[in-house]
Amino acid sequence: MTTIKNIAKPNSWIEPKELTDALGAFDTAPFSLVNRPWDIATTHYSLDDQPLMMDWSTFGRTWLYPPQGNPAKPYLEEMVAHGNGIVLLPSRTETQVFTDYVWQGADGVLFIKSRLTFHHADGTKASGQSGWGSALVAYGDDNVATLRDCDIQGCFIDLRISNHQLIHAA
């Protein structure tokens, strides 16, 4: 019997509405819960829709809050190729996911100042903040401008013009 590793599971938390509202309208959210208490994009796809089998070039401006850890990789590969959207990730800069799809694939990143408070699937706010910091990652010039100019407090880095370099990146 073959063991399948790194299967994506729906996120058990929903991103804060005020966060996504501050980023403007999105056309598509390709990794979403089936029943959401509020919309983030015009079109939402869940795992049941098999978004990795879809043509992302039709998605327009895309919001992505991917599965955590290694299951995020194929979603981030699609976002890098698509080049038009914003991704919410844990700000774990030492991970392979961050190295490959942010430092080497993104156009801008906003490290959010405070830890986020997520919501349960029914929309009720969690009793406490997340256990880690978060980053918003931009793909495409318009999304870089959105992160730079939005009212979300944090540290913004325009990766298109920074002098960052990866040394001995695997």
N, C-alpha and C. Protein backbone atom coordinates (compact mmCIF):
# COMPACT_ATOMS: atom_id res chain seq x y z
N MET A 1 0.83 -1.18 0.00
CA MET A 1 0.00 0.00 0.00
C MET A 1 0.88 1.24 0.00
N THR A 2 0.56 2.19 -0.85
CA THR A 2 1.32 3.43 -0.95
C THR A 2 0.80 4.42 0.07
N THR A 3 1.72 5.05 0.78
CA THR A 3 1.36 6.10 1.72
C THR A 3 1.43 7.43 1.01
N ILE A 4 0.36 8.19 1.09
CA ILE A 4 0.34 9.51 0.48
C ILE A 4 0.63 10.53 1.56
N LYS A 5 1.67 11.33 1.33
CA LYS A 5 2.07 12.33 2.31
C LYS A 5 1.63 13.72 1.86
N ASN A 6 1.56 14.60 2.82
CA ASN A 6 1.33 16.02 2.55
C ASN A 6 0.02 16.30 1.80
N ILE A 7 -1.03 15.61 2.17
CA ILE A 7 -2.33 15.87 1.58
C ILE A 7 -2.88 17.15 2.19
N ALA A 8 -3.34 18.03 1.35
CA ALA A 8 -3.92 19.29 1.84
C ALA A 8 -5.23 19.01 2.55
N LYS A 9 -5.43 19.72 3.63
CA LYS A 9 -6.68 19.69 4.37
C LYS A 9 -7.20 21.11 4.44
N PRO A 10 -8.52 21.28 4.49
CA PRO A 10 -9.03 22.65 4.61
C PRO A 10 -8.47 23.32 5.86
N ASN A 11 -8.21 24.62 5.75
CA ASN A 11 -7.78 25.37 6.93
C ASN A 11 -8.91 25.35 7.95
N SER A 12 -8.56 25.17 9.20
CA SER A 12 -9.59 25.16 10.23
C SER A 12 -9.93 26.56 10.71
N TRP A 13 -9.18 27.54 10.25
CA TRP A 13 -9.41 28.93 10.63
C TRP A 13 -9.70 29.76 9.39
N ILE A 14 -10.45 30.83 9.57
CA ILE A 14 -10.74 31.76 8.49
C ILE A 14 -9.98 33.05 8.75
N GLU A 15 -9.42 33.60 7.70
CA GLU A 15 -8.67 34.83 7.79
C GLU A 15 -9.58 35.98 8.23
N PRO A 16 -9.03 36.93 8.99
CA PRO A 16 -9.83 38.06 9.49
C PRO A 16 -10.39 38.89 8.33
N LYS A 17 -11.67 39.17 8.37
CA LYS A 17 -12.34 39.93 7.31
C LYS A 17 -11.73 41.31 7.15
N GLU A 18 -11.38 41.96 8.26
CA GLU A 18 -10.80 43.30 8.16
C GLU A 18 -9.45 43.28 7.43
N LEU A 19 -8.74 42.17 7.50
CA LEU A 19 -7.47 42.04 6.79
C LEU A 19 -7.71 42.02 5.28
N THR A 20 -8.58 41.12 4.83
CA THR A 20 -8.82 41.02 3.40
C THR A 20 -9.56 42.24 2.86
N ASP A 21 -10.42 42.83 3.66
CA ASP A 21 -11.11 44.06 3.22
C ASP A 21 -10.11 45.18 2.94
N ALA A 22 -9.04 45.23 3.71
CA ALA A 22 -8.02 46.28 3.53
C ALA A 22 -7.22 46.10 2.24
N LEU A 23 -7.36 44.95 1.60
CA LEU A 23 -6.57 44.64 0.40
C LEU A 23 -7.35 44.82 -0.89
N GLY A 24 -8.61 45.17 -0.79
CA GLY A 24 -9.42 45.39 -1.99
C GLY A 24 -10.07 44.11 -2.49
N ALA A 25 -10.71 44.22 -3.64
CA ALA A 25 -11.50 43.13 -4.20
C ALA A 25 -10.60 42.07 -4.86
N PHE A 26 -10.98 40.83 -4.66
CA PHE A 26 -10.31 39.70 -5.31
C PHE A 26 -11.30 39.00 -6.22
N ASP A 27 -10.80 38.46 -7.32
CA ASP A 27 -11.65 37.72 -8.25
C ASP A 27 -11.86 36.28 -7.81
N THR A 28 -10.79 35.65 -7.31
CA THR A 28 -10.84 34.22 -7.02
C THR A 28 -10.10 33.89 -5.73
N ALA A 29 -10.67 32.96 -4.97
CA ALA A 29 -10.01 32.37 -3.80
C ALA A 29 -9.99 30.86 -4.03
N PRO A 30 -8.86 30.30 -4.49
CA PRO A 30 -8.83 28.90 -4.90
C PRO A 30 -8.66 27.87 -3.78
N PHE A 31 -8.51 28.30 -2.54
CA PHE A 31 -8.40 27.35 -1.43
C PHE A 31 -9.27 27.89 -0.31
N SER A 32 -10.54 27.57 -0.37
CA SER A 32 -11.51 28.18 0.52
C SER A 32 -12.38 27.11 1.17
N LEU A 33 -13.04 27.48 2.23
CA LEU A 33 -14.01 26.58 2.84
C LEU A 33 -15.28 26.55 2.00
N VAL A 34 -15.98 25.41 2.01
CA VAL A 34 -17.20 25.27 1.24
C VAL A 34 -18.24 26.30 1.68
N ASN A 35 -18.47 26.38 2.97
CA ASN A 35 -19.44 27.34 3.51
C ASN A 35 -18.71 28.39 4.32
N ARG A 36 -18.57 29.55 3.75
CA ARG A 36 -17.87 30.66 4.40
C ARG A 36 -18.88 31.61 5.01
N PRO A 37 -18.56 32.21 6.15
CA PRO A 37 -19.48 33.21 6.72
C PRO A 37 -19.43 34.54 5.96
N TRP A 38 -18.38 34.81 5.21
CA TRP A 38 -18.28 36.01 4.37
C TRP A 38 -17.40 35.69 3.16
N ASP A 39 -17.65 36.44 2.11
CA ASP A 39 -16.87 36.25 0.88
C ASP A 39 -15.58 37.06 0.93
N ILE A 40 -14.56 36.51 0.34
CA ILE A 40 -13.29 37.21 0.18
C ILE A 40 -13.08 37.54 -1.29
N ALA A 41 -13.66 36.73 -2.15
CA ALA A 41 -13.52 36.92 -3.59
C ALA A 41 -14.87 36.72 -4.27
N THR A 42 -14.92 37.08 -5.53
CA THR A 42 -16.14 36.86 -6.30
C THR A 42 -16.41 35.37 -6.46
N THR A 43 -15.34 34.58 -6.68
CA THR A 43 -15.47 33.14 -6.86
C THR A 43 -14.59 32.43 -5.84
N HIS A 44 -15.17 31.44 -5.18
CA HIS A 44 -14.44 30.62 -4.21
C HIS A 44 -14.42 29.17 -4.69
N TYR A 45 -13.26 28.53 -4.54
CA TYR A 45 -13.14 27.10 -4.82
C TYR A 45 -12.64 26.40 -3.57
N SER A 46 -13.17 25.22 -3.32
CA SER A 46 -12.73 24.41 -2.19
C SER A 46 -11.90 23.24 -2.71
N LEU A 47 -11.39 22.45 -1.80
CA LEU A 47 -10.64 21.25 -2.20
C LEU A 47 -11.49 20.34 -3.08
N ASP A 48 -12.79 20.30 -2.80
CA ASP A 48 -13.70 19.45 -3.59
C ASP A 48 -13.70 19.84 -5.06
N ASP A 49 -13.41 21.10 -5.36
CA ASP A 49 -13.39 21.58 -6.75
C ASP A 49 -12.07 21.28 -7.46
N GLN A 50 -11.10 20.76 -6.74
CA GLN A 50 -9.77 20.43 -7.26
C GLN A 50 -9.12 21.63 -7.96
N PRO A 51 -8.88 22.71 -7.20
CA PRO A 51 -8.33 23.92 -7.81
C PRO A 51 -6.96 23.75 -8.44
N LEU A 52 -6.20 22.76 -8.03
CA LEU A 52 -4.89 22.55 -8.64
C LEU A 52 -5.01 21.96 -10.05
N MET A 53 -6.18 21.47 -10.40
CA MET A 53 -6.42 20.93 -11.74
C MET A 53 -6.99 22.00 -12.67
N MET A 54 -7.23 23.20 -12.15
CA MET A 54 -7.84 24.28 -12.93
C MET A 54 -6.79 25.13 -13.62
N ASP A 55 -7.24 25.91 -14.58
CA ASP A 55 -6.39 26.87 -15.30
C ASP A 55 -6.41 28.18 -14.52
N TRP A 56 -5.35 28.45 -13.77
CA TRP A 56 -5.29 29.65 -12.94
C TRP A 56 -5.19 30.93 -13.76
N SER A 57 -4.87 30.83 -15.03
CA SER A 57 -4.79 32.05 -15.84
C SER A 57 -6.15 32.72 -15.98
N THR A 58 -7.21 32.00 -15.66
CA THR A 58 -8.57 32.56 -15.72
C THR A 58 -9.01 33.17 -14.39
N PHE A 59 -8.17 33.09 -13.37
CA PHE A 59 -8.59 33.47 -12.01
C PHE A 59 -8.60 34.98 -11.76
N GLY A 60 -7.89 35.77 -12.53
CA GLY A 60 -7.80 37.19 -12.23
C GLY A 60 -7.02 37.41 -10.95
N ARG A 61 -7.34 38.48 -10.23
CA ARG A 61 -6.65 38.79 -8.98
C ARG A 61 -7.06 37.75 -7.92
N THR A 62 -6.08 37.07 -7.37
CA THR A 62 -6.32 35.88 -6.56
C THR A 62 -5.90 36.09 -5.11
N TRP A 63 -6.75 35.64 -4.19
CA TRP A 63 -6.44 35.59 -2.76
C TRP A 63 -6.15 34.15 -2.41
N LEU A 64 -5.05 33.91 -1.70
CA LEU A 64 -4.70 32.55 -1.32
C LEU A 64 -4.27 32.49 0.14
N TYR A 65 -5.01 31.74 0.92
CA TYR A 65 -4.61 31.36 2.27
C TYR A 65 -4.46 29.84 2.19
N PRO A 66 -3.23 29.40 1.83
CA PRO A 66 -3.03 27.98 1.48
C PRO A 66 -2.99 27.09 2.71
N PRO A 67 -2.99 25.77 2.46
CA PRO A 67 -2.77 24.85 3.58
C PRO A 67 -1.40 25.14 4.18
N GLN A 68 -1.20 24.73 5.40
CA GLN A 68 0.06 25.01 6.09
C GLN A 68 1.09 23.94 5.78
N GLY A 69 2.36 24.35 5.78
CA GLY A 69 3.47 23.42 5.59
C GLY A 69 3.64 23.01 4.14
N ASN A 70 4.19 21.80 3.95
CA ASN A 70 4.49 21.31 2.61
C ASN A 70 3.29 21.21 1.68
N PRO A 71 2.07 20.94 2.18
CA PRO A 71 0.92 20.93 1.25
C PRO A 71 0.67 22.27 0.57
N ALA A 72 1.28 23.35 1.07
CA ALA A 72 1.12 24.66 0.42
C ALA A 72 1.90 24.75 -0.89
N LYS A 73 2.92 23.92 -1.06
CA LYS A 73 3.83 24.06 -2.20
C LYS A 73 3.13 24.09 -3.56
N PRO A 74 2.26 23.14 -3.89
CA PRO A 74 1.66 23.20 -5.23
C PRO A 74 0.78 24.44 -5.43
N TYR A 75 0.15 24.93 -4.37
CA TYR A 75 -0.66 26.14 -4.47
C TYR A 75 0.23 27.36 -4.71
N LEU A 76 1.36 27.40 -4.02
CA LEU A 76 2.29 28.51 -4.21
C LEU A 76 2.97 28.45 -5.57
N GLU A 77 3.24 27.25 -6.06
CA GLU A 77 3.79 27.11 -7.42
C GLU A 77 2.81 27.71 -8.43
N GLU A 78 1.53 27.41 -8.24
CA GLU A 78 0.50 27.96 -9.14
C GLU A 78 0.45 29.48 -9.03
N MET A 79 0.57 30.01 -7.81
CA MET A 79 0.51 31.47 -7.63
C MET A 79 1.71 32.15 -8.27
N VAL A 80 2.89 31.57 -8.11
CA VAL A 80 4.08 32.15 -8.74
C VAL A 80 3.90 32.19 -10.26
N ALA A 81 3.41 31.10 -10.83
CA ALA A 81 3.19 31.04 -12.28
C ALA A 81 2.08 32.00 -12.70
N HIS A 82 1.05 32.12 -11.89
CA HIS A 82 -0.09 33.00 -12.18
C HIS A 82 0.32 34.46 -12.11
N GLY A 83 1.07 34.82 -11.08
CA GLY A 83 1.65 36.16 -10.97
C GLY A 83 0.69 37.29 -10.67
N ASN A 84 -0.49 36.99 -10.14
CA ASN A 84 -1.46 38.05 -9.83
C ASN A 84 -2.25 37.70 -8.60
N GLY A 85 -1.72 38.08 -7.43
CA GLY A 85 -2.46 37.81 -6.22
C GLY A 85 -1.68 38.11 -4.97
N ILE A 86 -2.35 37.84 -3.86
CA ILE A 86 -1.76 38.01 -2.52
C ILE A 86 -1.99 36.74 -1.74
N VAL A 87 -0.95 36.32 -1.02
CA VAL A 87 -0.98 35.10 -0.23
C VAL A 87 -0.76 35.46 1.24
N LEU A 88 -1.49 34.82 2.11
CA LEU A 88 -1.28 34.93 3.56
C LEU A 88 -0.53 33.70 4.03
N LEU A 89 0.66 33.93 4.61
CA LEU A 89 1.51 32.85 5.10
C LEU A 89 1.99 33.14 6.51
N PRO A 90 2.33 32.08 7.26
CA PRO A 90 3.06 32.31 8.51
C PRO A 90 4.40 32.93 8.15
N SER A 91 4.88 33.84 8.96
CA SER A 91 6.16 34.52 8.64
C SER A 91 7.34 33.70 9.15
N ARG A 92 7.37 32.47 8.73
CA ARG A 92 8.46 31.55 9.09
C ARG A 92 9.49 31.59 7.96
N THR A 93 10.34 32.59 8.05
CA THR A 93 11.26 32.89 6.94
C THR A 93 12.33 31.82 6.72
N GLU A 94 12.51 30.93 7.68
CA GLU A 94 13.56 29.92 7.56
C GLU A 94 13.08 28.67 6.82
N THR A 95 11.80 28.58 6.51
CA THR A 95 11.28 27.35 5.92
C THR A 95 11.57 27.29 4.41
N GLN A 96 11.56 26.08 3.88
CA GLN A 96 11.75 25.89 2.45
C GLN A 96 10.63 26.55 1.65
N VAL A 97 9.40 26.50 2.18
CA VAL A 97 8.27 27.15 1.51
C VAL A 97 8.54 28.64 1.36
N PHE A 98 8.98 29.30 2.42
CA PHE A 98 9.24 30.73 2.35
C PHE A 98 10.41 31.03 1.41
N THR A 99 11.46 30.23 1.50
CA THR A 99 12.63 30.42 0.64
C THR A 99 12.26 30.30 -0.83
N ASP A 100 11.53 29.26 -1.17
CA ASP A 100 11.24 28.99 -2.58
C ASP A 100 10.19 29.91 -3.18
N TYR A 101 9.16 30.25 -2.40
CA TYR A 101 8.00 30.93 -3.00
C TYR A 101 7.85 32.39 -2.57
N VAL A 102 8.66 32.82 -1.62
CA VAL A 102 8.65 34.24 -1.25
C VAL A 102 9.97 34.85 -1.66
N TRP A 103 11.05 34.46 -1.02
CA TRP A 103 12.35 35.07 -1.32
C TRP A 103 12.73 34.88 -2.79
N GLN A 104 12.38 33.75 -3.38
CA GLN A 104 12.78 33.49 -4.77
C GLN A 104 11.64 33.62 -5.78
N GLY A 105 10.42 33.89 -5.32
CA GLY A 105 9.33 33.89 -6.28
C GLY A 105 8.38 35.06 -6.22
N ALA A 106 8.40 35.81 -5.13
CA ALA A 106 7.42 36.88 -4.95
C ALA A 106 7.98 38.24 -5.35
N ASP A 107 7.08 39.21 -5.44
CA ASP A 107 7.46 40.57 -5.80
C ASP A 107 7.49 41.52 -4.61
N GLY A 108 6.80 41.17 -3.54
CA GLY A 108 6.78 42.01 -2.34
C GLY A 108 6.25 41.22 -1.16
N VAL A 109 6.59 41.68 0.04
CA VAL A 109 6.10 41.03 1.24
C VAL A 109 5.86 42.08 2.32
N LEU A 110 4.77 41.90 3.04
CA LEU A 110 4.43 42.75 4.17
C LEU A 110 4.38 41.87 5.41
N PHE A 111 5.34 42.08 6.32
CA PHE A 111 5.34 41.36 7.58
C PHE A 111 4.40 42.12 8.52
N ILE A 112 3.30 41.50 8.89
CA ILE A 112 2.27 42.16 9.69
C ILE A 112 2.79 42.38 11.11
N LYS A 113 2.56 43.59 11.62
CA LYS A 113 3.12 44.01 12.91
C LYS A 113 2.67 43.12 14.06
N SER A 114 1.40 42.88 14.19
CA SER A 114 0.87 42.10 15.32
C SER A 114 0.41 40.73 14.84
N ARG A 115 0.31 39.81 15.76
CA ARG A 115 -0.25 38.51 15.42
C ARG A 115 -1.73 38.66 15.12
N LEU A 116 -2.18 37.92 14.13
CA LEU A 116 -3.58 37.99 13.72
C LEU A 116 -4.48 37.19 14.65
N THR A 117 -5.71 37.60 14.73
CA THR A 117 -6.75 36.82 15.40
C THR A 117 -7.65 36.28 14.30
N PHE A 118 -7.63 34.98 14.12
CA PHE A 118 -8.42 34.33 13.08
C PHE A 118 -9.83 34.07 13.59
N HIS A 119 -10.66 33.51 12.73
CA HIS A 119 -12.04 33.20 13.06
C HIS A 119 -12.29 31.71 12.87
N HIS A 120 -13.26 31.19 13.60
CA HIS A 120 -13.71 29.82 13.40
C HIS A 120 -14.50 29.75 12.10
N ALA A 121 -14.75 28.54 11.61
CA ALA A 121 -15.45 28.35 10.35
C ALA A 121 -16.84 28.98 10.34
N ASP A 122 -17.46 29.14 11.52
CA ASP A 122 -18.79 29.76 11.58
C ASP A 122 -18.71 31.29 11.64
N GLY A 123 -17.52 31.83 11.67
CA GLY A 123 -17.33 33.28 11.68
C GLY A 123 -17.05 33.87 13.05
N THR A 124 -17.21 33.09 14.11
CA THR A 124 -16.92 33.64 15.44
C THR A 124 -15.42 33.83 15.60
N LYS A 125 -15.06 34.91 16.24
CA LYS A 125 -13.66 35.26 16.43
C LYS A 125 -13.02 34.34 17.46
N ALA A 126 -11.80 33.92 17.20
CA ALA A 126 -11.05 33.08 18.14
C ALA A 126 -10.82 33.86 19.43
N SER A 127 -10.61 33.14 20.51
CA SER A 127 -10.43 33.79 21.81
C SER A 127 -9.05 34.41 21.98
N GLY A 128 -8.12 34.05 21.13
CA GLY A 128 -6.77 34.61 21.24
C GLY A 128 -6.11 34.73 19.88
N GLN A 129 -4.95 35.35 19.89
CA GLN A 129 -4.20 35.55 18.65
C GLN A 129 -3.53 34.26 18.20
N SER A 130 -3.13 34.26 16.97
CA SER A 130 -2.40 33.15 16.39
C SER A 130 -1.10 32.94 17.17
N GLY A 131 -0.56 31.75 17.10
CA GLY A 131 0.68 31.44 17.79
C GLY A 131 1.93 31.84 17.01
N TRP A 132 1.77 32.52 15.88
CA TRP A 132 2.91 32.92 15.06
C TRP A 132 2.57 34.21 14.32
N GLY A 133 3.61 34.86 13.82
CA GLY A 133 3.40 36.05 13.01
C GLY A 133 2.96 35.67 11.61
N SER A 134 2.49 36.67 10.87
CA SER A 134 1.99 36.42 9.52
C SER A 134 2.61 37.40 8.53
N ALA A 135 2.63 36.98 7.29
CA ALA A 135 3.12 37.82 6.20
C ALA A 135 2.13 37.77 5.05
N LEU A 136 1.96 38.90 4.40
CA LEU A 136 1.21 38.98 3.15
C LEU A 136 2.21 39.05 2.03
N VAL A 137 2.05 38.22 1.03
CA VAL A 137 3.02 38.10 -0.04
C VAL A 137 2.36 38.49 -1.37
N ALA A 138 2.98 39.41 -2.08
CA ALA A 138 2.41 39.93 -3.32
C ALA A 138 3.09 39.33 -4.55
N TYR A 139 2.27 39.03 -5.53
CA TYR A 139 2.71 38.58 -6.84
C TYR A 139 2.08 39.51 -7.86
N GLY A 140 2.92 40.24 -8.59
CA GLY A 140 2.43 41.21 -9.57
C GLY A 140 2.54 42.63 -9.04
N ASP A 141 2.80 43.56 -9.95
CA ASP A 141 3.04 44.96 -9.60
C ASP A 141 1.87 45.60 -8.86
N ASP A 142 0.65 45.38 -9.32
CA ASP A 142 -0.51 45.99 -8.67
C ASP A 142 -0.66 45.51 -7.22
N ASN A 143 -0.35 44.25 -6.97
CA ASN A 143 -0.46 43.71 -5.62
C ASN A 143 0.67 44.21 -4.71
N VAL A 144 1.83 44.47 -5.30
CA VAL A 144 2.92 45.10 -4.54
C VAL A 144 2.46 46.48 -4.09
N ALA A 145 1.88 47.25 -5.00
CA ALA A 145 1.38 48.59 -4.65
C ALA A 145 0.30 48.51 -3.57
N THR A 146 -0.55 47.50 -3.65
CA THR A 146 -1.59 47.33 -2.63
C THR A 146 -0.97 47.12 -1.26
N LEU A 147 0.00 46.24 -1.16
CA LEU A 147 0.64 45.99 0.15
C LEU A 147 1.38 47.22 0.64
N ARG A 148 2.05 47.90 -0.25
CA ARG A 148 2.80 49.10 0.13
C ARG A 148 1.87 50.20 0.65
N ASP A 149 0.71 50.34 0.04
CA ASP A 149 -0.16 51.48 0.32
C ASP A 149 -1.33 51.18 1.27
N CYS A 150 -1.53 49.93 1.65
CA CYS A 150 -2.67 49.60 2.50
C CYS A 150 -2.44 50.10 3.93
N ASP A 151 -3.49 50.06 4.73
CA ASP A 151 -3.42 50.55 6.11
C ASP A 151 -3.03 49.47 7.11
N ILE A 152 -2.54 48.34 6.65
CA ILE A 152 -2.12 47.26 7.54
C ILE A 152 -0.71 47.59 8.05
N GLN A 153 -0.55 47.64 9.36
CA GLN A 153 0.75 47.99 9.93
C GLN A 153 1.72 46.82 9.83
N GLY A 154 2.95 47.16 9.52
CA GLY A 154 3.98 46.14 9.43
C GLY A 154 5.18 46.66 8.68
N CYS A 155 6.03 45.75 8.28
CA CYS A 155 7.25 46.08 7.54
C CYS A 155 7.11 45.56 6.12
N PHE A 156 7.12 46.48 5.15
CA PHE A 156 6.97 46.13 3.74
C PHE A 156 8.34 46.09 3.06
N ILE A 157 8.54 45.06 2.25
CA ILE A 157 9.77 44.93 1.46
C ILE A 157 9.38 44.71 0.01
N ASP A 158 9.85 45.60 -0.85
CA ASP A 158 9.63 45.44 -2.29
C ASP A 158 10.77 44.55 -2.79
N LEU A 159 10.47 43.30 -3.04
CA LEU A 159 11.49 42.34 -3.42
C LEU A 159 12.02 42.56 -4.83
N ARG A 160 11.32 43.35 -5.63
CA ARG A 160 11.78 43.64 -6.99
C ARG A 160 12.98 44.57 -6.98
N ILE A 161 13.09 45.40 -5.94
CA ILE A 161 14.18 46.38 -5.90
C ILE A 161 15.11 46.21 -4.71
N SER A 162 14.85 45.23 -3.86
CA SER A 162 15.73 45.05 -2.71
C SER A 162 17.03 44.40 -3.16
N ASN A 163 18.02 44.49 -2.33
CA ASN A 163 19.31 43.87 -2.61
C ASN A 163 19.45 42.53 -1.93
N HIS A 164 18.30 41.89 -1.62
CA HIS A 164 18.38 40.61 -0.93
C HIS A 164 18.99 39.56 -1.86
N GLN A 165 19.68 38.64 -1.25
CA GLN A 165 20.23 37.53 -2.01
C GLN A 165 20.27 36.30 -1.12
N LEU A 166 20.02 35.17 -1.73
CA LEU A 166 20.09 33.92 -1.01
C LEU A 166 21.46 33.32 -1.21
N ILE A 167 22.06 32.94 -0.12
CA ILE A 167 23.40 32.36 -0.18
C ILE A 167 23.26 30.87 0.13
N HIS A 168 23.69 30.05 -0.75
CA HIS A 168 23.64 28.61 -0.61
C HIS A 168 22.21 28.12 -0.44
N ALA A 169 21.28 28.70 -1.17
CA ALA A 169 19.89 28.25 -1.11
C ALA A 169 19.79 26.87 -1.74
N ALA A 170 19.05 26.01 -1.06
CA ALA A 170 18.89 24.65 -1.58
C ALA A 170 17.82 24.59 -2.64
